[in-house]
C-alpha atoms as a PDB file:
ATOM      1  CA  MET A   1       0.000   0.000   0.000  1.00  0.00           C
ATOM      2  CA  ASP A   2       1.213   3.530  -0.758  1.00  0.00           C
ATOM      3  CA  THR A   3       1.946   5.884   2.123  1.00  0.00           C
ATOM      4  CA  PRO A   4      -1.343   7.383   3.404  1.00  0.00           C
ATOM      5  CA  GLU A   5      -1.776  11.135   3.544  1.00  0.00           C
ATOM      6  CA  SER A   6      -0.688  12.995   6.674  1.00  0.00           C
ATOM      7  CA  LEU A   7      -3.887  14.335   8.207  1.00  0.00           C
ATOM      8  CA  PRO A   8      -2.142  17.167  10.136  1.00  0.00           C
ATOM      9  CA  GLN A   9      -0.861  18.334   6.745  1.00  0.00           C
ATOM     10  CA  THR A  10      -4.166  17.720   4.905  1.00  0.00           C
ATOM     11  CA  LEU A  11      -6.184  19.650   7.488  1.00  0.00           C
ATOM     12  CA  SER A  12      -3.675  22.486   7.914  1.00  0.00           C
ATOM     13  CA  LEU A  13      -4.872  26.053   7.369  1.00  0.00           C
ATOM     14  CA  GLU A  14      -3.381  29.260   6.018  1.00  0.00           C
ATOM     15  CA  ARG A  15      -4.183  32.348   8.065  1.00  0.00           C
ATOM     16  CA  LEU A  16      -5.495  35.135   5.814  1.00  0.00           C
ATOM     17  CA  GLU A  17      -6.634  37.569   8.519  1.00  0.00           C
ATOM     18  CA  VAL A  18      -7.176  37.545  12.287  1.00  0.00           C
ATOM     19  CA  ASN A  19     -10.355  35.444  12.022  1.00  0.00           C
ATOM     20  CA  LEU A  20     -10.066  34.231   8.422  1.00  0.00           C
ATOM     21  CA  PHE A  21      -8.398  31.006   7.240  1.00  0.00           C
ATOM     22  CA  ARG A  22      -8.030  29.029   4.025  1.00  0.00           C
ATOM     23  CA  GLY A  23      -7.854  25.259   3.594  1.00  0.00           C
ATOM     24  CA  THR A  24      -7.551  22.888   0.655  1.00  0.00           C
ATOM     25  CA  SER A  25      -8.542  19.293  -0.114  1.00  0.00           C
ATOM     26  CA  PRO A  26      -6.262  16.345  -0.940  1.00  0.00           C
ATOM     27  CA  ARG A  27      -6.006  15.254  -4.548  1.00  0.00           C
ATOM     28  CA  GLY A  28      -7.516  12.006  -5.737  1.00  0.00           C
ATOM     29  CA  GLY A  29     -10.610  12.056  -3.539  1.00  0.00           C
ATOM     30  CA  GLY A  30     -14.239  11.883  -4.575  1.00  0.00           C
ATOM     31  CA  PRO A  31     -16.360  14.361  -6.525  1.00  0.00           C
ATOM     32  CA  ARG A  32     -17.258  16.187  -3.302  1.00  0.00           C
ATOM     33  CA  ILE A  33     -15.367  17.030  -0.144  1.00  0.00           C
ATOM     34  CA  PHE A  34     -15.518  14.407   2.610  1.00  0.00           C
ATOM     35  CA  GLY A  35     -17.642  15.802   5.444  1.00  0.00           C
ATOM     36  CA  GLY A  36     -15.105  14.868   8.099  1.00  0.00           C
ATOM     37  CA  GLN A  37     -12.519  17.064   6.400  1.00  0.00           C
ATOM     38  CA  VAL A  38     -14.571  20.238   6.713  1.00  0.00           C
ATOM     39  CA  ILE A  39     -15.531  19.322  10.300  1.00  0.00           C
ATOM     40  CA  GLY A  40     -11.872  18.918  11.216  1.00  0.00           C
ATOM     41  CA  GLN A  41     -10.718  22.088   9.423  1.00  0.00           C
ATOM     42  CA  SER A  42     -13.528  24.152  10.957  1.00  0.00           C
ATOM     43  CA  LEU A  43     -12.633  22.933  14.447  1.00  0.00           C
ATOM     44  CA  LEU A  44      -8.979  23.698  13.760  1.00  0.00           C
ATOM     45  CA  ALA A  45      -9.908  27.227  12.602  1.00  0.00           C
ATOM     46  CA  ALA A  46     -11.852  27.749  15.832  1.00  0.00           C
ATOM     47  CA  TYR A  47      -8.885  26.504  17.876  1.00  0.00           C
ATOM     48  CA  GLU A  48      -6.684  29.128  16.186  1.00  0.00           C
ATOM     49  CA  THR A  49      -8.723  31.781  18.045  1.00  0.00           C
ATOM     50  CA  VAL A  50      -8.884  30.058  21.452  1.00  0.00           C
ATOM     51  CA  GLU A  51      -6.245  29.895  24.188  1.00  0.00           C
ATOM     52  CA  ASP A  52      -5.906  27.435  27.079  1.00  0.00           C
ATOM     53  CA  ARG A  53      -9.321  25.822  26.606  1.00  0.00           C
ATOM     54  CA  VAL A  54     -10.458  22.502  25.188  1.00  0.00           C
ATOM     55  CA  CYS A  55     -13.417  21.842  22.906  1.00  0.00           C
ATOM     56  CA  HIS A  56     -16.120  19.863  24.703  1.00  0.00           C
ATOM     57  CA  SER A  57     -18.822  19.958  22.007  1.00  0.00           C
ATOM     58  CA  LEU A  58     -19.539  20.916  18.408  1.00  0.00           C
ATOM     59  CA  HIS A  59     -22.708  21.117  16.345  1.00  0.00           C
ATOM     60  CA  CYS A  60     -22.692  21.565  12.590  1.00  0.00           C
ATOM     61  CA  TYR A  61     -24.745  21.562   9.393  1.00  0.00           C
ATOM     62  CA  PHE A  62     -23.743  20.485   5.910  1.00  0.00           C
ATOM     63  CA  ILE A  63     -25.380  23.053   3.619  1.00  0.00           C
ATOM     64  CA  ARG A  64     -23.970  22.423   0.122  1.00  0.00           C
ATOM     65  CA  PRO A  65     -21.645  19.785  -1.382  1.00  0.00           C
ATOM     66  CA  GLY A  66     -18.034  20.963  -1.212  1.00  0.00           C
ATOM     67  CA  ASP A  67     -15.917  21.081  -4.379  1.00  0.00           C
ATOM     68  CA  PRO A  68     -12.488  19.493  -3.710  1.00  0.00           C
ATOM     69  CA  ARG A  69     -10.937  21.536  -6.547  1.00  0.00           C
ATOM     70  CA  VAL A  70     -11.708  24.846  -4.833  1.00  0.00           C
ATOM     71  CA  PRO A  71     -10.054  26.169  -1.627  1.00  0.00           C
ATOM     72  CA  ILE A  72     -12.332  26.620   1.382  1.00  0.00           C
ATOM     73  CA  VAL A  73     -12.405  29.896   3.310  1.00  0.00           C
ATOM     74  CA  PHE A  74     -13.213  29.579   7.026  1.00  0.00           C
ATOM     75  CA  GLU A  75     -14.532  32.650   8.841  1.00  0.00           C
ATOM     76  CA  VAL A  76     -14.501  32.479  12.652  1.00  0.00           C
ATOM     77  CA  ASP A  77     -16.960  34.495  14.731  1.00  0.00           C
ATOM     78  CA  ARG A  78     -15.670  35.016  18.284  1.00  0.00           C
ATOM     79  CA  SER A  79     -19.132  34.700  19.813  1.00  0.00           C
ATOM     80  CA  ARG A  80     -18.124  34.794  23.483  1.00  0.00           C
ATOM     81  CA  ASP A  81     -15.143  34.546  25.814  1.00  0.00           C
ATOM     82  CA  GLY A  82     -16.489  33.802  29.290  1.00  0.00           C
ATOM     83  CA  GLY A  83     -14.895  32.951  32.593  1.00  0.00           C
ATOM     84  CA  THR A  84     -15.202  29.187  32.003  1.00  0.00           C
ATOM     85  CA  PHE A  85     -16.578  28.713  28.495  1.00  0.00           C
ATOM     86  CA  THR A  86     -15.622  30.107  25.096  1.00  0.00           C
ATOM     87  CA  THR A  87     -17.961  29.896  22.105  1.00  0.00           C
ATOM     88  CA  ARG A  88     -17.006  30.076  18.436  1.00  0.00           C
ATOM     89  CA  ARG A  89     -18.988  29.897  15.217  1.00  0.00           C
ATOM     90  CA  VAL A  90     -17.259  28.947  11.957  1.00  0.00           C
ATOM     91  CA  VAL A  91     -18.668  29.406   8.456  1.00  0.00           C
ATOM     92  CA  ALA A  92     -17.011  27.538   5.544  1.00  0.00           C
ATOM     93  CA  VAL A  93     -17.373  29.248   2.158  1.00  0.00           C
ATOM     94  CA  GLN A  94     -16.666  28.299  -1.459  1.00  0.00           C
ATOM     95  CA  ASN A  95     -17.431  30.537  -4.453  1.00  0.00           C
ATOM     96  CA  GLY A  96     -19.142  33.059  -2.185  1.00  0.00           C
ATOM     97  CA  LYS A  97     -21.617  30.528  -0.751  1.00  0.00           C
ATOM     98  CA  GLN A  98     -21.781  28.748   2.598  1.00  0.00           C
ATOM     99  CA  ILE A  99     -21.149  25.022   2.315  1.00  0.00           C
ATOM    100  CA  PHE A 100     -20.991  24.282   6.045  1.00  0.00           C
ATOM    101  CA  ASN A 101     -21.237  25.907   9.448  1.00  0.00           C
ATOM    102  CA  LEU A 102     -20.093  24.826  12.892  1.00  0.00           C
ATOM    103  CA  ALA A 103     -20.676  26.035  16.441  1.00  0.00           C
ATOM    104  CA  ALA A 104     -18.200  24.860  19.065  1.00  0.00           C
ATOM    105  CA  SER A 105     -17.845  25.388  22.805  1.00  0.00           C
ATOM    106  CA  PHE A 106     -14.529  25.307  24.683  1.00  0.00           C
ATOM    107  CA  GLN A 107     -14.003  24.952  28.422  1.00  0.00           C
ATOM    108  CA  VAL A 108     -11.292  25.486  30.984  1.00  0.00           C
ATOM    109  CA  VAL A 109     -10.076  22.057  32.177  1.00  0.00           C
ATOM    110  CA  GLU A 110     -11.687  21.218  35.515  1.00  0.00           C
ATOM    111  CA  GLU A 111     -12.629  18.262  37.725  1.00  0.00           C
ATOM    112  CA  GLY A 112     -16.209  17.118  38.413  1.00  0.00           C
ATOM    113  CA  PHE A 113     -18.614  14.195  38.784  1.00  0.00           C
ATOM    114  CA  GLU A 114     -17.776  11.175  36.623  1.00  0.00           C
ATOM    115  CA  HIS A 115     -19.635   8.150  35.239  1.00  0.00           C
ATOM    116  CA  GLN A 116     -19.852   6.504  31.823  1.00  0.00           C
ATOM    117  CA  ALA A 117     -21.621   3.752  29.888  1.00  0.00           C
ATOM    118  CA  ASP A 118     -19.620   0.537  29.512  1.00  0.00           C
ATOM    119  CA  MET A 119     -18.063  -0.464  26.212  1.00  0.00           C
ATOM    120  CA  ASP A 120     -19.597  -3.461  24.441  1.00  0.00           C
ATOM    121  CA  GLN A 121     -17.626  -6.696  24.514  1.00  0.00           C
ATOM    122  CA  VAL A 122     -16.329  -7.174  20.969  1.00  0.00           C
ATOM    123  CA  PRO A 123     -13.411  -9.006  19.300  1.00  0.00           C
ATOM    124  CA  ASP A 124      -9.994  -7.399  19.641  1.00  0.00           C
ATOM    125  CA  PRO A 125      -8.855  -5.409  16.550  1.00  0.00           C
ATOM    126  CA  ASP A 126      -5.687  -7.474  16.147  1.00  0.00           C
ATOM    127  CA  GLY A 127      -7.763 -10.469  15.044  1.00  0.00           C
ATOM    128  CA  LEU A 128      -9.916  -8.586  12.529  1.00  0.00           C
ATOM    129  CA  PRO A 129      -9.154  -7.917   8.827  1.00  0.00           C
ATOM    130  CA  ASP A 130      -8.340  -4.442   7.558  1.00  0.00           C
ATOM    131  CA  GLU A 131     -11.523  -2.954   6.049  1.00  0.00           C
ATOM    132  CA  PHE A 132      -9.555  -1.295   3.217  1.00  0.00           C
ATOM    133  CA  GLU A 133      -8.088  -4.641   2.141  1.00  0.00           C
ATOM    134  CA  GLN A 134     -11.499  -6.329   2.424  1.00  0.00           C
ATOM    135  CA  ARG A 135     -13.076  -3.768   0.132  1.00  0.00           C
ATOM    136  CA  ILE A 136     -10.351  -4.104  -2.487  1.00  0.00           C
ATOM    137  CA  LYS A 137     -11.004  -7.871  -2.657  1.00  0.00           C
ATOM    138  CA  GLY A 138     -14.732  -7.315  -3.217  1.00  0.00           C
ATOM    139  CA  MET A 139     -14.493  -4.473  -5.717  1.00  0.00           C
ATOM    140  CA  GLN A 140     -15.678  -6.370  -8.792  1.00  0.00           C
ATOM    141  CA  ASN A 141     -19.285  -5.289  -8.182  1.00  0.00           C
ATOM    142  CA  VAL A 142     -18.736  -1.552  -7.626  1.00  0.00           C
ATOM    143  CA  SER A 143     -18.676   1.400 -10.028  1.00  0.00           C
ATOM    144  CA  GLU A 144     -15.438   2.618 -11.602  1.00  0.00           C
ATOM    145  CA  GLU A 145     -15.737   5.941  -9.746  1.00  0.00           C
ATOM    146  CA  LEU A 146     -16.025   4.183  -6.400  1.00  0.00           C
ATOM    147  CA  ARG A 147     -13.199   1.810  -7.350  1.00  0.00           C
ATOM    148  CA  LYS A 148     -10.819   4.776  -7.852  1.00  0.00           C
ATOM    149  CA  MET A 149     -11.851   6.277  -4.513  1.00  0.00           C
ATOM    150  CA  MET A 150     -11.359   2.982  -2.699  1.00  0.00           C
ATOM    151  CA  LEU A 151      -7.887   2.440  -4.153  1.00  0.00           C
ATOM    152  CA  ARG A 152      -6.654   5.713  -2.637  1.00  0.00           C
ATOM    153  CA  PRO A 153      -4.674   5.005   0.562  1.00  0.00           C
ATOM    154  CA  ARG A 154      -6.887   5.530   3.601  1.00  0.00           C
ATOM    155  CA  PRO A 155      -5.539   7.872   6.327  1.00  0.00           C
ATOM    156  CA  ILE A 156      -7.798   6.127   8.875  1.00  0.00           C
ATOM    157  CA  GLU A 157      -7.330   2.395   9.487  1.00  0.00           C
ATOM    158  CA  MET A 158     -10.630   0.609  10.138  1.00  0.00           C
ATOM    159  CA  ARG A 159     -11.482  -2.937  11.209  1.00  0.00           C
ATOM    160  CA  SER A 160     -15.172  -3.796  11.253  1.00  0.00           C
ATOM    161  CA  VAL A 161     -16.593  -6.175  13.848  1.00  0.00           C
ATOM    162  CA  GLU A 162     -19.727  -7.049  11.833  1.00  0.00           C
ATOM    163  CA  GLY A 163     -18.313  -6.613   8.313  1.00  0.00           C
ATOM    164  CA  ASP A 164     -18.852  -3.624   6.014  1.00  0.00           C
ATOM    165  CA  ALA A 165     -21.901  -2.855   3.869  1.00  0.00           C
ATOM    166  CA  PHE A 166     -20.306  -4.096   0.631  1.00  0.00           C
ATOM    167  CA  SER A 167     -20.049  -7.649   1.976  1.00  0.00           C
ATOM    168  CA  ALA A 168     -23.710  -7.836   3.046  1.00  0.00           C
ATOM    169  CA  THR A 169     -25.997 -10.487   1.564  1.00  0.00           C
ATOM    170  CA  GLY A 170     -29.242  -9.142   3.048  1.00  0.00           C
ATOM    171  CA  PRO A 171     -30.742  -6.789   5.651  1.00  0.00           C
ATOM    172  CA  ARG A 172     -28.906  -6.542   8.952  1.00  0.00           C
ATOM    173  CA  PRO A 173     -29.593  -4.907  12.346  1.00  0.00           C
ATOM    174  CA  ALA A 174     -29.031  -1.145  12.489  1.00  0.00           C
ATOM    175  CA  LYS A 175     -25.898  -1.527  14.582  1.00  0.00           C
ATOM    176  CA  ASN A 176     -22.228  -1.333  13.683  1.00  0.00           C
ATOM    177  CA  SER A 177     -18.958  -1.556  15.628  1.00  0.00           C
ATOM    178  CA  VAL A 178     -15.656  -0.535  14.052  1.00  0.00           C
ATOM    179  CA  TRP A 179     -12.148  -0.287  15.456  1.00  0.00           C
ATOM    180  CA  PHE A 180     -10.344   2.712  13.957  1.00  0.00           C
ATOM    181  CA  ARG A 181      -7.212   4.834  14.346  1.00  0.00           C
ATOM    182  CA  ALA A 182      -5.035   7.239  12.360  1.00  0.00           C
ATOM    183  CA  ARG A 183      -2.478   5.405  10.212  1.00  0.00           C
ATOM    184  CA  ALA A 184       0.203   8.129  10.162  1.00  0.00           C
ATOM    185  CA  PRO A 185       1.682   9.667  13.346  1.00  0.00           C
ATOM    186  CA  ILE A 186      -0.259  12.695  14.572  1.00  0.00           C
ATOM    187  CA  GLY A 187       2.325  14.135  16.950  1.00  0.00           C
ATOM    188  CA  GLU A 188       2.122  15.485  20.489  1.00  0.00           C
ATOM    189  CA  ASP A 189      -0.509  18.216  19.986  1.00  0.00           C
ATOM    190  CA  ALA A 190      -3.591  17.062  21.951  1.00  0.00           C
ATOM    191  CA  HIS A 191      -5.815  19.458  19.987  1.00  0.00           C
ATOM    192  CA  MET A 192      -4.782  17.817  16.707  1.00  0.00           C
ATOM    193  CA  HIS A 193      -5.720  14.379  18.047  1.00  0.00           C
ATOM    194  CA  GLN A 194      -9.156  15.809  18.829  1.00  0.00           C
ATOM    195  CA  VAL A 195      -9.409  17.441  15.378  1.00  0.00           C
ATOM    196  CA  ILE A 196      -8.528  14.174  13.626  1.00  0.00           C
ATOM    197  CA  LEU A 197     -10.946  12.222  15.821  1.00  0.00           C
ATOM    198  CA  ALA A 198     -13.633  14.690  14.664  1.00  0.00           C
ATOM    199  CA  TYR A 199     -12.521  14.087  11.045  1.00  0.00           C
ATOM    200  CA  ALA A 200     -12.892  10.324  11.477  1.00  0.00           C
ATOM    201  CA  SER A 201     -16.210  10.570  13.342  1.00  0.00           C
ATOM    202  CA  ASP A 202     -18.043  11.152  10.025  1.00  0.00           C
ATOM    203  CA  MET A 203     -16.948   7.744   8.739  1.00  0.00           C
ATOM    204  CA  ASN A 204     -19.425   4.845   8.446  1.00  0.00           C
ATOM    205  CA  MET A 205     -22.160   6.746  10.303  1.00  0.00           C
ATOM    206  CA  LEU A 206     -24.942   6.871   7.725  1.00  0.00           C
ATOM    207  CA  SER A 207     -24.127   3.370   6.467  1.00  0.00           C
ATOM    208  CA  THR A 208     -25.329   2.079   9.848  1.00  0.00           C
ATOM    209  CA  ALA A 209     -28.824   3.407   9.065  1.00  0.00           C
ATOM    210  CA  MET A 210     -28.653   1.712   5.656  1.00  0.00           C
ATOM    211  CA  ARG A 211     -28.043  -1.792   7.034  1.00  0.00           C
ATOM    212  CA  PRO A 212     -31.694  -2.808   7.650  1.00  0.00           C
ATOM    213  CA  HIS A 213     -32.517  -1.830   4.050  1.00  0.00           C
ATOM    214  CA  ASN A 214     -29.649  -3.760   2.380  1.00  0.00           C
ATOM    215  CA  VAL A 215     -28.285  -0.695   0.541  1.00  0.00           C
ATOM    216  CA  HIS A 216     -24.903   1.033   0.531  1.00  0.00           C
ATOM    217  CA  TRP A 217     -23.200   4.099  -0.955  1.00  0.00           C
ATOM    218  CA  ASP A 218     -22.936   2.584  -4.433  1.00  0.00           C
ATOM    219  CA  THR A 219     -26.467   1.121  -4.657  1.00  0.00           C
ATOM    220  CA  PRO A 220     -27.999   2.387  -7.951  1.00  0.00           C
ATOM    221  CA  GLY A 221     -30.534   5.147  -7.349  1.00  0.00           C
ATOM    222  CA  LEU A 222     -29.570   5.789  -3.714  1.00  0.00           C
ATOM    223  CA  GLN A 223     -29.119   9.419  -2.652  1.00  0.00           C
ATOM    224  CA  SER A 224     -27.180   9.909   0.574  1.00  0.00           C
ATOM    225  CA  ALA A 225     -25.407  12.792   2.283  1.00  0.00           C
ATOM    226  CA  SER A 226     -24.695  13.969   5.821  1.00  0.00           C
ATOM    227  CA  LEU A 227     -27.117  16.729   6.884  1.00  0.00           C
ATOM    228  CA  ASP A 228     -25.957  17.564  10.395  1.00  0.00           C
ATOM    229  CA  HIS A 229     -23.398  16.287  12.883  1.00  0.00           C
ATOM    230  CA  ALA A 230     -22.893  16.747  16.621  1.00  0.00           C
ATOM    231  CA  MET A 231     -20.022  15.600  18.803  1.00  0.00           C
ATOM    232  CA  TRP A 232     -19.211  15.753  22.510  1.00  0.00           C
ATOM    233  CA  PHE A 233     -15.637  15.222  23.747  1.00  0.00           C
ATOM    234  CA  HIS A 234     -15.445  13.618  27.193  1.00  0.00           C
ATOM    235  CA  LYS A 235     -11.766  12.730  27.603  1.00  0.00           C
ATOM    236  CA  PRO A 236      -8.440  13.512  25.881  1.00  0.00           C
ATOM    237  CA  THR A 237      -7.046  10.600  23.888  1.00  0.00           C
ATOM    238  CA  ASN A 238      -4.293   9.369  21.588  1.00  0.00           C
ATOM    239  CA  PHE A 239      -5.882   8.640  18.211  1.00  0.00           C
ATOM    240  CA  ASN A 240      -2.820   6.816  16.951  1.00  0.00           C
ATOM    241  CA  GLU A 241      -4.080   4.013  19.223  1.00  0.00           C
ATOM    242  CA  TRP A 242      -7.109   1.805  18.487  1.00  0.00           C
ATOM    243  CA  HIS A 243     -10.572   3.136  19.368  1.00  0.00           C
ATOM    244  CA  LEU A 244     -13.930   1.371  19.147  1.00  0.00           C
ATOM    245  CA  TYR A 245     -16.707   3.263  17.337  1.00  0.00           C
ATOM    246  CA  SER A 246     -20.032   1.709  18.425  1.00  0.00           C
ATOM    247  CA  GLN A 247     -22.999   2.952  16.369  1.00  0.00           C
ATOM    248  CA  ASP A 248     -26.726   2.346  16.250  1.00  0.00           C
ATOM    249  CA  SER A 249     -29.587   3.828  14.228  1.00  0.00           C
ATOM    250  CA  PRO A 250     -32.839   4.035  16.229  1.00  0.00           C
ATOM    251  CA  SER A 251     -34.822   5.647  13.405  1.00  0.00           C
ATOM    252  CA  ALA A 252     -35.085   6.234   9.653  1.00  0.00           C
ATOM    253  CA  SER A 253     -38.034   8.195   8.250  1.00  0.00           C
ATOM    254  CA  GLY A 254     -38.903  11.016   5.851  1.00  0.00           C
ATOM    255  CA  GLY A 255     -35.914  10.281   3.624  1.00  0.00           C
ATOM    256  CA  ARG A 256     -33.515  10.663   6.564  1.00  0.00           C
ATOM    257  CA  GLY A 257     -31.560   8.273   8.759  1.00  0.00           C
ATOM    258  CA  PHE A 258     -30.515   9.053  12.337  1.00  0.00           C
ATOM    259  CA  VAL A 259     -27.411   7.496  13.902  1.00  0.00           C
ATOM    260  CA  ARG A 260     -25.783   7.627  17.348  1.00  0.00           C
ATOM    261  CA  GLY A 261     -22.170   6.764  18.094  1.00  0.00           C
ATOM    262  CA  ALA A 262     -19.939   6.175  21.113  1.00  0.00           C
ATOM    263  CA  ILE A 263     -16.135   6.223  20.812  1.00  0.00           C
ATOM    264  CA  TYR A 264     -14.071   4.297  23.367  1.00  0.00           C
ATOM    265  CA  ASP A 265     -10.333   3.890  23.704  1.00  0.00           C
ATOM    266  CA  ARG A 266      -8.933   0.373  23.912  1.00  0.00           C
ATOM    267  CA  LYS A 267      -9.109   0.434  27.720  1.00  0.00           C
ATOM    268  CA  GLY A 268     -12.867   1.037  27.565  1.00  0.00           C
ATOM    269  CA  VAL A 269     -12.813   4.753  28.416  1.00  0.00           C
ATOM    270  CA  LEU A 270     -15.602   6.685  26.675  1.00  0.00           C
ATOM    271  CA  VAL A 271     -13.765   9.551  24.977  1.00  0.00           C
ATOM    272  CA  ALA A 272     -16.516  10.985  22.727  1.00  0.00           C
ATOM    273  CA  SER A 273     -20.175  10.705  21.717  1.00  0.00           C
ATOM    274  CA  VAL A 274     -21.585  11.465  18.265  1.00  0.00           C
ATOM    275  CA  ALA A 275     -24.989  11.965  16.636  1.00  0.00           C
ATOM    276  CA  GLN A 276     -25.765  12.471  12.959  1.00  0.00           C
ATOM    277  CA  GLU A 277     -28.744  12.701  10.623  1.00  0.00           C
ATOM    278  CA  GLY A 278     -28.340  12.147   6.905  1.00  0.00           C
ATOM    279  CA  LEU A 279     -30.253  12.079   3.659  1.00  0.00           C
ATOM    280  CA  MET A 280     -31.093   8.502   2.701  1.00  0.00           C
ATOM    281  CA  ARG A 281     -33.607   7.954  -0.105  1.00  0.00           C
ATOM    282  CA  MET A 282     -34.073   6.212  -3.432  1.00  0.00           C
ATOM    283  CA  ARG A 283     -34.548   8.361  -6.516  1.00  0.00           C
ATOM    284  CA  LYS A 284     -37.993   8.050  -8.040  1.00  0.00           C
ATOM    285  CA  ASP A 285     -36.872   8.746 -11.631  1.00  0.00           C
END
């Protein structure tokens, strides 16, 4: 396999003004920008305006498909700097139009009450096949466009507990558990580990809602796209180590699928929670 892209480099931003930044997309991706990329870059832009505080939550909307050939301009609104919490709003723009917006809250590190839900008992990642290699073996039934995308080295290593959507032979429960981690070293910056975890949190989410209906991204006639995304960070973590992403979809209706996710480190510590709703419908033409 070729060397995967360096996500700290891919997500890096150029400062244009005090609250204005510019980012680009890696070459060789799909026809639209991966949602996790713009989440990660928006969070990074917000962090460029915050000192000595850590993001504890973000809420965002995908407004228009992003064009990977065009740079993205990120405008940060310094909504509030309080005694404990700092709030930022980030708008991502291409060709004069909003493609995405994010609101994030940052907090001074402090101690407090603690409890968490337990991690599910699942097979260890060391005994599971690499999802990228699995997909390459089963690529004879996918479109040429998807084939090219899948052959690009993946910056996030994933190992599915239940098997991915492309290997399905029928409807399955709306649950999915995946071990994942960054392939290339991230470095010592704790904020960058959080940014890259946010990048990866958009992966495999909507496909969990597709499982009961026996469809996937390349099913003819299927329209799918992330609509909104929310994430809560509970603990700092090292995303170069394995994490379990446990997902379930309690509802699909009105052409939308809703998915919840919990991210645990290998020791079973809950480091983040995620929720997403996405477009999921068959074309009628």
